[in-house]
Amino acid sequence: MKTFSEILAGLEPSDHLKKIELIDQDGHVAGLIENRPGSQGSVKVYHHLHTKYGSLGTEAAKDGLALYAEHTADAQAHPGKHPNIDRLFEVINNNLTFQIQIS
């Protein structure tokens, strides 16, 4: 099984992005991931999900959990430690959909 670092290396570049916003069904910003140290991997994952799926729904969230590799199990064991992974569990568990806005 590939590690998170190995998976990130195979995803499209996202260095040019400033942030990713998740927009709920009411048009409100429900999540923000800024492209800065500590969240650059999440920007890359969510950018990939946007490119592949167009929005963040159940199928995209399951793919995202696979991309986070070893961090997914750590997020399950320690809720709150990885909020961008926790959000993917929330999407799956509550059948949510978010639009992904990239800037």
N, C-alpha and C. Protein backbone atom coordinates (compact mmCIF):
# COMPACT_ATOMS: atom_id res chain seq x y z
N MET A 1 0.83 -1.18 0.00
CA MET A 1 0.00 0.00 0.00
C MET A 1 0.88 1.25 0.00
N LYS A 2 0.52 2.23 -0.83
CA LYS A 2 1.28 3.47 -0.91
C LYS A 2 1.04 4.34 0.32
N THR A 3 2.06 5.09 0.68
CA THR A 3 1.93 6.05 1.77
C THR A 3 1.31 7.34 1.25
N PHE A 4 0.87 8.17 2.17
CA PHE A 4 0.30 9.46 1.81
C PHE A 4 1.28 10.28 0.97
N SER A 5 2.53 10.30 1.36
CA SER A 5 3.55 11.06 0.61
C SER A 5 3.69 10.53 -0.82
N GLU A 6 3.66 9.23 -0.97
CA GLU A 6 3.77 8.64 -2.31
C GLU A 6 2.54 8.98 -3.15
N ILE A 7 1.39 8.95 -2.54
CA ILE A 7 0.15 9.29 -3.25
C ILE A 7 0.17 10.76 -3.68
N LEU A 8 0.57 11.64 -2.76
CA LEU A 8 0.63 13.07 -3.09
C LEU A 8 1.54 13.34 -4.28
N ALA A 9 2.64 12.63 -4.36
CA ALA A 9 3.59 12.82 -5.45
C ALA A 9 2.95 12.52 -6.80
N GLY A 10 1.94 11.67 -6.83
CA GLY A 10 1.28 11.31 -8.09
C GLY A 10 0.09 12.18 -8.45
N LEU A 11 -0.30 13.10 -7.57
CA LEU A 11 -1.44 13.98 -7.85
C LEU A 11 -0.99 15.24 -8.57
N GLU A 12 -1.94 15.87 -9.25
CA GLU A 12 -1.63 17.08 -10.01
C GLU A 12 -1.14 18.19 -9.07
N PRO A 13 -0.28 19.06 -9.58
CA PRO A 13 0.26 20.16 -8.76
C PRO A 13 -0.85 21.09 -8.26
N SER A 14 -0.65 21.63 -7.07
CA SER A 14 -1.63 22.56 -6.51
C SER A 14 -0.93 23.76 -5.84
N ASP A 15 0.35 23.93 -6.12
CA ASP A 15 1.11 25.02 -5.50
C ASP A 15 0.55 26.39 -5.85
N HIS A 16 -0.11 26.50 -6.99
CA HIS A 16 -0.64 27.78 -7.48
C HIS A 16 -1.94 28.19 -6.78
N LEU A 17 -2.52 27.29 -6.01
CA LEU A 17 -3.80 27.57 -5.36
C LEU A 17 -3.59 28.33 -4.05
N LYS A 18 -4.52 29.22 -3.73
CA LYS A 18 -4.47 29.95 -2.47
C LYS A 18 -5.30 29.25 -1.40
N LYS A 19 -6.50 28.80 -1.81
CA LYS A 19 -7.39 28.17 -0.84
C LYS A 19 -8.46 27.37 -1.55
N ILE A 20 -9.08 26.51 -0.77
CA ILE A 20 -10.23 25.74 -1.23
C ILE A 20 -11.35 25.98 -0.22
N GLU A 21 -12.51 26.33 -0.75
CA GLU A 21 -13.68 26.52 0.10
C GLU A 21 -14.71 25.45 -0.24
N LEU A 22 -15.35 24.95 0.80
CA LEU A 22 -16.43 23.99 0.63
C LEU A 22 -17.74 24.73 0.88
N ILE A 23 -18.61 24.70 -0.10
CA ILE A 23 -19.85 25.46 -0.05
C ILE A 23 -21.02 24.50 0.18
N ASP A 24 -21.83 24.78 1.21
CA ASP A 24 -22.96 23.90 1.52
C ASP A 24 -24.15 24.22 0.60
N GLN A 25 -25.22 23.47 0.78
CA GLN A 25 -26.38 23.61 -0.11
C GLN A 25 -27.08 24.96 0.00
N ASP A 26 -26.81 25.69 1.07
CA ASP A 26 -27.39 27.02 1.24
C ASP A 26 -26.47 28.12 0.71
N GLY A 27 -25.32 27.74 0.15
CA GLY A 27 -24.39 28.71 -0.40
C GLY A 27 -23.41 29.30 0.60
N HIS A 28 -23.36 28.73 1.80
CA HIS A 28 -22.45 29.21 2.84
C HIS A 28 -21.14 28.44 2.81
N VAL A 29 -20.07 29.11 3.17
CA VAL A 29 -18.78 28.45 3.28
C VAL A 29 -18.81 27.56 4.53
N ALA A 30 -18.71 26.26 4.31
CA ALA A 30 -18.78 25.29 5.41
C ALA A 30 -17.41 24.75 5.77
N GLY A 31 -16.41 25.07 4.95
CA GLY A 31 -15.05 24.60 5.22
C GLY A 31 -14.06 25.40 4.40
N LEU A 32 -12.88 25.58 4.95
CA LEU A 32 -11.82 26.34 4.30
C LEU A 32 -10.50 25.62 4.52
N ILE A 33 -9.77 25.41 3.42
CA ILE A 33 -8.44 24.82 3.51
C ILE A 33 -7.50 25.79 2.80
N GLU A 34 -6.64 26.43 3.55
CA GLU A 34 -5.68 27.37 2.97
C GLU A 34 -4.39 26.63 2.59
N ASN A 35 -3.80 27.08 1.51
CA ASN A 35 -2.57 26.46 1.02
C ASN A 35 -1.39 27.05 1.79
N ARG A 36 -1.10 26.42 2.91
CA ARG A 36 -0.01 26.85 3.77
C ARG A 36 0.60 25.60 4.43
N PRO A 37 1.78 25.73 5.02
CA PRO A 37 2.38 24.56 5.66
C PRO A 37 1.42 23.89 6.65
N GLY A 38 1.34 22.59 6.58
CA GLY A 38 0.46 21.83 7.45
C GLY A 38 -0.86 21.45 6.79
N SER A 39 -1.21 22.16 5.72
CA SER A 39 -2.46 21.82 5.02
C SER A 39 -2.27 21.68 3.52
N GLN A 40 -1.02 21.75 3.05
CA GLN A 40 -0.76 21.65 1.61
C GLN A 40 -1.16 20.29 1.04
N GLY A 41 -0.99 19.23 1.83
CA GLY A 41 -1.41 17.91 1.38
C GLY A 41 -2.91 17.83 1.21
N SER A 42 -3.65 18.45 2.13
CA SER A 42 -5.11 18.46 2.02
C SER A 42 -5.56 19.28 0.82
N VAL A 43 -4.89 20.39 0.55
CA VAL A 43 -5.22 21.18 -0.63
C VAL A 43 -5.06 20.32 -1.87
N LYS A 44 -3.99 19.56 -1.91
CA LYS A 44 -3.73 18.70 -3.07
C LYS A 44 -4.80 17.61 -3.20
N VAL A 45 -5.19 17.00 -2.09
CA VAL A 45 -6.22 15.96 -2.12
C VAL A 45 -7.56 16.55 -2.56
N TYR A 46 -7.98 17.64 -1.94
CA TYR A 46 -9.28 18.23 -2.28
C TYR A 46 -9.28 18.80 -3.71
N HIS A 47 -8.16 19.31 -4.16
CA HIS A 47 -8.05 19.77 -5.54
C HIS A 47 -8.24 18.59 -6.49
N HIS A 48 -7.63 17.48 -6.17
CA HIS A 48 -7.79 16.27 -6.98
C HIS A 48 -9.26 15.82 -7.01
N LEU A 49 -9.90 15.84 -5.86
CA LEU A 49 -11.31 15.45 -5.79
C LEU A 49 -12.17 16.39 -6.62
N HIS A 50 -11.86 17.67 -6.59
CA HIS A 50 -12.59 18.65 -7.42
C HIS A 50 -12.40 18.34 -8.90
N THR A 51 -11.18 18.07 -9.29
CA THR A 51 -10.88 17.78 -10.69
C THR A 51 -11.58 16.50 -11.15
N LYS A 52 -11.59 15.49 -10.30
CA LYS A 52 -12.16 14.20 -10.67
C LYS A 52 -13.68 14.15 -10.57
N TYR A 53 -14.25 14.76 -9.54
CA TYR A 53 -15.69 14.63 -9.26
C TYR A 53 -16.50 15.92 -9.45
N GLY A 54 -15.86 17.06 -9.37
CA GLY A 54 -16.56 18.32 -9.50
C GLY A 54 -17.17 18.84 -8.20
N SER A 55 -17.50 17.95 -7.29
CA SER A 55 -18.04 18.32 -5.98
C SER A 55 -17.63 17.25 -4.98
N LEU A 56 -17.93 17.50 -3.72
CA LEU A 56 -17.57 16.56 -2.67
C LEU A 56 -18.83 15.87 -2.16
N GLY A 57 -19.06 14.67 -2.65
CA GLY A 57 -20.16 13.83 -2.21
C GLY A 57 -19.60 12.53 -1.66
N THR A 58 -20.45 11.57 -1.47
CA THR A 58 -20.06 10.30 -0.84
C THR A 58 -18.95 9.59 -1.61
N GLU A 59 -19.10 9.47 -2.93
CA GLU A 59 -18.08 8.76 -3.73
C GLU A 59 -16.73 9.47 -3.66
N ALA A 60 -16.76 10.78 -3.79
CA ALA A 60 -15.52 11.56 -3.72
C ALA A 60 -14.89 11.44 -2.33
N ALA A 61 -15.72 11.46 -1.28
CA ALA A 61 -15.19 11.36 0.09
C ALA A 61 -14.53 10.01 0.32
N LYS A 62 -15.12 8.95 -0.19
CA LYS A 62 -14.49 7.62 -0.05
C LYS A 62 -13.15 7.58 -0.77
N ASP A 63 -13.09 8.18 -1.94
CA ASP A 63 -11.82 8.26 -2.68
C ASP A 63 -10.82 9.07 -1.88
N GLY A 64 -11.26 10.17 -1.29
CA GLY A 64 -10.39 11.02 -0.48
C GLY A 64 -9.81 10.27 0.70
N LEU A 65 -10.63 9.46 1.37
CA LEU A 65 -10.12 8.67 2.50
C LEU A 65 -9.04 7.70 2.05
N ALA A 66 -9.20 7.12 0.87
CA ALA A 66 -8.16 6.23 0.34
C ALA A 66 -6.88 7.00 0.04
N LEU A 67 -7.01 8.23 -0.45
CA LEU A 67 -5.84 9.04 -0.76
C LEU A 67 -5.06 9.44 0.49
N TYR A 68 -5.76 9.64 1.59
CA TYR A 68 -5.08 10.01 2.83
C TYR A 68 -4.31 8.84 3.45
N ALA A 69 -4.49 7.65 2.92
CA ALA A 69 -3.74 6.45 3.29
C ALA A 69 -3.66 6.26 4.81
N GLU A 70 -2.45 6.22 5.34
CA GLU A 70 -2.25 5.91 6.76
C GLU A 70 -2.86 6.96 7.69
N HIS A 71 -3.09 8.15 7.20
CA HIS A 71 -3.67 9.20 8.04
C HIS A 71 -5.17 8.97 8.30
N THR A 72 -5.81 8.19 7.43
CA THR A 72 -7.23 7.90 7.62
C THR A 72 -7.46 7.10 8.89
N ALA A 73 -6.65 6.08 9.12
CA ALA A 73 -6.78 5.27 10.34
C ALA A 73 -6.47 6.11 11.57
N ASP A 74 -5.49 7.00 11.47
CA ASP A 74 -5.15 7.87 12.59
C ASP A 74 -6.31 8.82 12.89
N ALA A 75 -6.97 9.31 11.85
CA ALA A 75 -8.12 10.20 12.04
C ALA A 75 -9.28 9.47 12.72
N GLN A 76 -9.48 8.21 12.37
CA GLN A 76 -10.53 7.42 13.01
C GLN A 76 -10.23 7.21 14.49
N ALA A 77 -8.97 6.97 14.78
CA ALA A 77 -8.56 6.70 16.16
C ALA A 77 -8.53 7.97 17.01
N HIS A 78 -8.35 9.12 16.38
CA HIS A 78 -8.22 10.38 17.11
C HIS A 78 -9.09 11.46 16.47
N PRO A 79 -10.40 11.40 16.65
CA PRO A 79 -11.29 12.42 16.06
C PRO A 79 -10.86 13.83 16.46
N GLY A 80 -10.87 14.72 15.47
CA GLY A 80 -10.48 16.10 15.70
C GLY A 80 -9.03 16.39 15.36
N LYS A 81 -8.21 15.36 15.29
CA LYS A 81 -6.79 15.55 14.99
C LYS A 81 -6.57 15.92 13.52
N HIS A 82 -7.42 15.40 12.64
CA HIS A 82 -7.30 15.64 11.20
C HIS A 82 -8.64 16.15 10.66
N PRO A 83 -8.93 17.44 10.85
CA PRO A 83 -10.25 17.95 10.49
C PRO A 83 -10.62 17.78 9.02
N ASN A 84 -9.65 17.82 8.12
CA ASN A 84 -9.97 17.66 6.71
C ASN A 84 -10.32 16.22 6.36
N ILE A 85 -9.85 15.28 7.14
CA ILE A 85 -10.25 13.88 6.98
C ILE A 85 -11.58 13.66 7.70
N ASP A 86 -11.73 14.25 8.88
CA ASP A 86 -12.99 14.15 9.61
C ASP A 86 -14.16 14.61 8.73
N ARG A 87 -13.93 15.65 7.95
CA ARG A 87 -14.98 16.18 7.07
C ARG A 87 -15.41 15.11 6.06
N LEU A 88 -14.47 14.32 5.57
CA LEU A 88 -14.82 13.27 4.62
C LEU A 88 -15.70 12.21 5.27
N PHE A 89 -15.39 11.84 6.51
CA PHE A 89 -16.25 10.91 7.26
C PHE A 89 -17.64 11.52 7.43
N GLU A 90 -17.70 12.81 7.72
CA GLU A 90 -18.98 13.49 7.91
C GLU A 90 -19.82 13.45 6.64
N VAL A 91 -19.17 13.67 5.50
CA VAL A 91 -19.87 13.61 4.21
C VAL A 91 -20.49 12.23 4.00
N ILE A 92 -19.70 11.20 4.28
CA ILE A 92 -20.18 9.83 4.09
C ILE A 92 -21.28 9.49 5.09
N ASN A 93 -21.04 9.75 6.35
CA ASN A 93 -22.00 9.37 7.40
C ASN A 93 -23.32 10.11 7.32
N ASN A 94 -23.30 11.33 6.78
CA ASN A 94 -24.51 12.16 6.74
C ASN A 94 -25.03 12.39 5.32
N ASN A 95 -24.42 11.69 4.34
CA ASN A 95 -24.82 11.81 2.93
C ASN A 95 -24.88 13.27 2.49
N LEU A 96 -23.81 14.01 2.77
CA LEU A 96 -23.72 15.43 2.44
C LEU A 96 -23.07 15.64 1.08
N THR A 97 -23.29 16.80 0.53
CA THR A 97 -22.60 17.21 -0.70
C THR A 97 -22.18 18.66 -0.53
N PHE A 98 -20.94 18.93 -0.87
CA PHE A 98 -20.41 20.29 -0.87
C PHE A 98 -19.88 20.62 -2.25
N GLN A 99 -20.10 21.83 -2.68
CA GLN A 99 -19.44 22.32 -3.88
C GLN A 99 -18.02 22.72 -3.47
N ILE A 100 -17.08 22.51 -4.35
CA ILE A 100 -15.67 22.86 -4.07
C ILE A 100 -15.32 24.08 -4.89
N GLN A 101 -14.94 25.14 -4.20
CA GLN A 101 -14.56 26.39 -4.87
C GLN A 101 -13.07 26.61 -4.67
N ILE A 102 -12.37 26.75 -5.78
CA ILE A 102 -10.91 26.87 -5.73
C ILE A 102 -10.50 28.29 -6.13
N SER A 103 -9.55 28.84 -5.38
CA SER A 103 -9.01 30.15 -5.76
C SER A 103 -7.52 30.19 -5.51
